[in-house]
Amino acid sequence: MAALPLAVASARQPGGTGRPAVPAVSRGDAGTRPHAGGHSPRLLGLGLATAARCGPEVTSPEGIEAQTCVLTQGEDTWARTYYRNATGESLDSVLSLMGPDDRTVQMRCATGADDEPATCETPRERSRGGPDAYTAVTEFAERGPAGALLLRSGSNS
């Protein structure tokens, strides 16, 4: 199994445009956001630290590689999947973030056939519990309503 180059993948939006998948926050803004407890969760003055809880890297026989994570930064939580599609075909994929109070956020991801590392993420939302209260799952399937499931990747091990 080839390791996904996470540093490269995290800088890309689905479709390989190189733009962030969510709006960027300038470092000046990131450190001024209020945080419960009266202290700032800043890391070495570079902005807010981001905690990641990721499941294992998984690979399908058809050529999909993925790793799915729950991310927390300050008061925000969201899901991100790092993937590479080596099937030669565009795929349907859905990333789901499940949290407290039966709350689920889903994001349909554009999964091209370019065999390049990419990411997909859900919108950030205000955390409603600790990171362990959230689980993320990504499913990759052949295109179309009857497309076969090719891979399921989760944030838990």
Protein backbone atom coordinates (compact mmCIF):
# COMPACT_ATOMS: atom_id res chain seq x y z
CA MET A 1 0.00 0.00 0.00
CA ALA A 2 1.35 3.43 -0.90
CA ALA A 3 1.22 6.05 1.82
CA LEU A 4 -0.83 9.09 0.95
CA PRO A 5 1.25 12.27 0.95
CA LEU A 6 -0.92 14.06 3.49
CA ALA A 7 0.91 17.38 3.32
CA VAL A 8 0.21 17.62 -0.39
CA ALA A 9 -3.32 16.25 -0.14
CA SER A 10 -4.36 18.66 2.60
CA ALA A 11 -3.55 21.65 0.41
CA ARG A 12 -5.92 20.55 -2.35
CA GLN A 13 -9.63 20.77 -2.88
CA PRO A 14 -11.48 17.90 -4.54
CA GLY A 15 -10.90 18.22 -8.23
CA GLY A 16 -7.23 19.12 -7.75
CA THR A 17 -7.62 22.88 -8.09
CA GLY A 18 -5.14 23.59 -5.29
CA ARG A 19 -7.62 25.89 -3.51
CA PRO A 20 -8.55 25.18 0.12
CA ALA A 21 -11.79 23.21 0.49
CA VAL A 22 -13.01 25.68 3.15
CA PRO A 23 -12.46 29.41 3.43
CA ALA A 24 -9.04 30.21 4.82
CA VAL A 25 -8.67 32.11 8.09
CA SER A 26 -5.74 34.46 8.28
CA ARG A 27 -3.32 33.80 11.10
CA GLY A 28 -4.12 37.17 12.57
CA ASP A 29 -7.81 36.23 12.85
CA ALA A 30 -7.19 32.69 14.06
CA GLY A 31 -5.50 33.76 17.27
CA THR A 32 -8.12 36.33 18.28
CA ARG A 33 -11.06 33.94 18.47
CA PRO A 34 -12.37 33.40 22.01
CA HIS A 35 -11.74 30.03 23.64
CA ALA A 36 -13.46 28.52 26.68
CA GLY A 37 -11.31 28.41 29.78
CA GLY A 38 -9.69 31.81 29.33
CA HIS A 39 -6.52 30.58 27.59
CA SER A 40 -5.66 30.49 23.93
CA PRO A 41 -5.03 27.12 22.24
CA ARG A 42 -2.35 28.71 20.07
CA LEU A 43 0.58 26.64 18.97
CA LEU A 44 3.95 28.43 18.94
CA GLY A 45 2.25 31.67 17.84
CA LEU A 46 1.26 30.14 14.48
CA GLY A 47 -2.51 30.12 15.07
CA LEU A 48 -4.90 27.62 16.55
CA ALA A 49 -3.73 24.05 16.96
CA THR A 50 -5.75 21.44 15.08
CA ALA A 51 -6.38 18.04 16.65
CA ALA A 52 -6.95 15.12 14.27
CA ARG A 53 -8.44 11.71 15.04
CA CYS A 54 -7.92 9.52 11.96
CA GLY A 55 -8.79 5.98 11.07
CA PRO A 56 -6.42 3.68 9.22
CA GLU A 57 -5.35 4.15 5.62
CA VAL A 58 -7.40 1.69 3.56
CA THR A 59 -7.14 0.54 -0.05
CA SER A 60 -9.65 -1.19 -2.30
CA PRO A 61 -8.72 -3.84 -4.89
CA GLU A 62 -10.06 -1.43 -7.55
CA GLY A 63 -7.47 1.24 -6.67
CA ILE A 64 -9.02 3.69 -4.20
CA GLU A 65 -6.85 4.72 -1.22
CA ALA A 66 -8.34 6.78 1.61
CA GLN A 67 -7.95 7.92 5.18
CA THR A 68 -10.76 9.72 7.01
CA CYS A 69 -10.36 12.03 10.01
CA VAL A 70 -12.34 14.11 12.50
CA LEU A 71 -10.62 17.48 12.98
CA THR A 72 -11.09 19.93 15.84
CA GLN A 73 -9.72 23.45 16.00
CA GLY A 74 -10.79 25.78 18.79
CA GLU A 75 -14.59 25.50 18.95
CA ASP A 76 -14.97 23.97 15.46
CA THR A 77 -15.23 20.35 14.34
CA TRP A 78 -15.31 18.96 10.80
CA ALA A 79 -14.44 15.84 8.81
CA ARG A 80 -11.80 15.43 6.11
CA THR A 81 -10.86 12.52 3.91
CA TYR A 82 -7.54 12.20 2.13
CA TYR A 83 -7.80 10.02 -0.97
CA ARG A 84 -6.25 8.94 -4.25
CA ASN A 85 -8.35 7.47 -7.06
CA ALA A 86 -6.29 5.15 -9.27
CA THR A 87 -9.29 3.41 -10.86
CA GLY A 88 -9.16 5.48 -14.04
CA GLU A 89 -12.85 6.41 -13.60
CA SER A 90 -14.58 9.33 -11.87
CA LEU A 91 -16.46 8.12 -8.78
CA ASP A 92 -19.32 9.20 -6.55
CA SER A 93 -18.28 9.79 -2.96
CA VAL A 94 -19.98 11.03 0.19
CA LEU A 95 -18.27 12.18 3.39
CA SER A 96 -20.46 12.06 6.52
CA LEU A 97 -19.73 13.63 9.91
CA MET A 98 -21.90 12.17 12.66
CA GLY A 99 -22.05 13.92 16.02
CA PRO A 100 -24.01 14.35 19.23
CA ASP A 101 -27.82 14.60 19.22
CA ASP A 102 -28.05 12.47 16.04
CA ARG A 103 -26.63 15.37 13.99
CA THR A 104 -25.15 14.36 10.63
CA VAL A 105 -23.51 16.57 8.01
CA GLN A 106 -22.89 15.12 4.55
CA MET A 107 -20.77 16.39 1.71
CA ARG A 108 -20.76 15.02 -1.83
CA CYS A 109 -17.20 15.05 -3.12
CA ALA A 110 -16.01 15.44 -6.71
CA THR A 111 -13.73 12.43 -7.18
CA GLY A 112 -11.95 12.76 -10.51
CA ALA A 113 -10.01 10.06 -12.34
CA ASP A 114 -6.66 11.88 -12.29
CA ASP A 115 -4.82 9.60 -9.78
CA GLU A 116 -3.62 12.63 -7.78
CA PRO A 117 -3.85 12.96 -3.98
CA ALA A 118 -6.88 15.05 -3.00
CA THR A 119 -9.13 15.90 -0.05
CA CYS A 120 -12.77 16.47 0.69
CA GLU A 121 -14.13 18.05 3.85
CA THR A 122 -17.42 18.90 5.46
CA PRO A 123 -18.20 22.46 6.53
CA ARG A 124 -16.90 23.37 9.97
CA GLU A 125 -19.46 23.52 12.72
CA ARG A 126 -19.39 24.58 16.36
CA SER A 127 -18.42 21.57 18.47
CA ARG A 128 -21.20 20.05 20.55
CA GLY A 129 -18.96 17.77 22.59
CA GLY A 130 -15.42 16.48 22.66
CA PRO A 131 -13.68 15.01 19.60
CA ASP A 132 -14.69 11.50 20.71
CA ALA A 133 -18.36 12.49 20.25
CA TYR A 134 -17.82 12.61 16.46
CA THR A 135 -17.28 9.96 13.80
CA ALA A 136 -16.62 10.43 10.10
CA VAL A 137 -17.17 7.96 7.24
CA THR A 138 -16.44 8.29 3.51
CA GLU A 139 -17.92 5.98 0.90
CA PHE A 140 -16.62 5.72 -2.66
CA ALA A 141 -18.85 4.09 -5.30
CA GLU A 142 -19.10 3.67 -9.05
CA ARG A 143 -21.02 6.51 -10.70
CA GLY A 144 -24.80 6.30 -10.96
CA PRO A 145 -27.72 5.26 -8.75
CA ALA A 146 -26.81 1.55 -8.94
CA GLY A 147 -23.04 2.10 -8.54
CA ALA A 148 -21.26 -0.59 -6.53
CA LEU A 149 -19.62 0.44 -3.26
CA LEU A 150 -15.85 0.30 -3.78
CA LEU A 151 -14.48 1.52 -0.43
CA ARG A 152 -15.63 2.72 2.99
CA SER A 153 -13.15 4.66 5.13
CA GLY A 154 -13.83 5.70 8.75
CA SER A 155 -12.26 7.88 11.41
CA ASN A 156 -12.30 5.08 13.97
CA SER A 157 -9.94 2.14 13.99
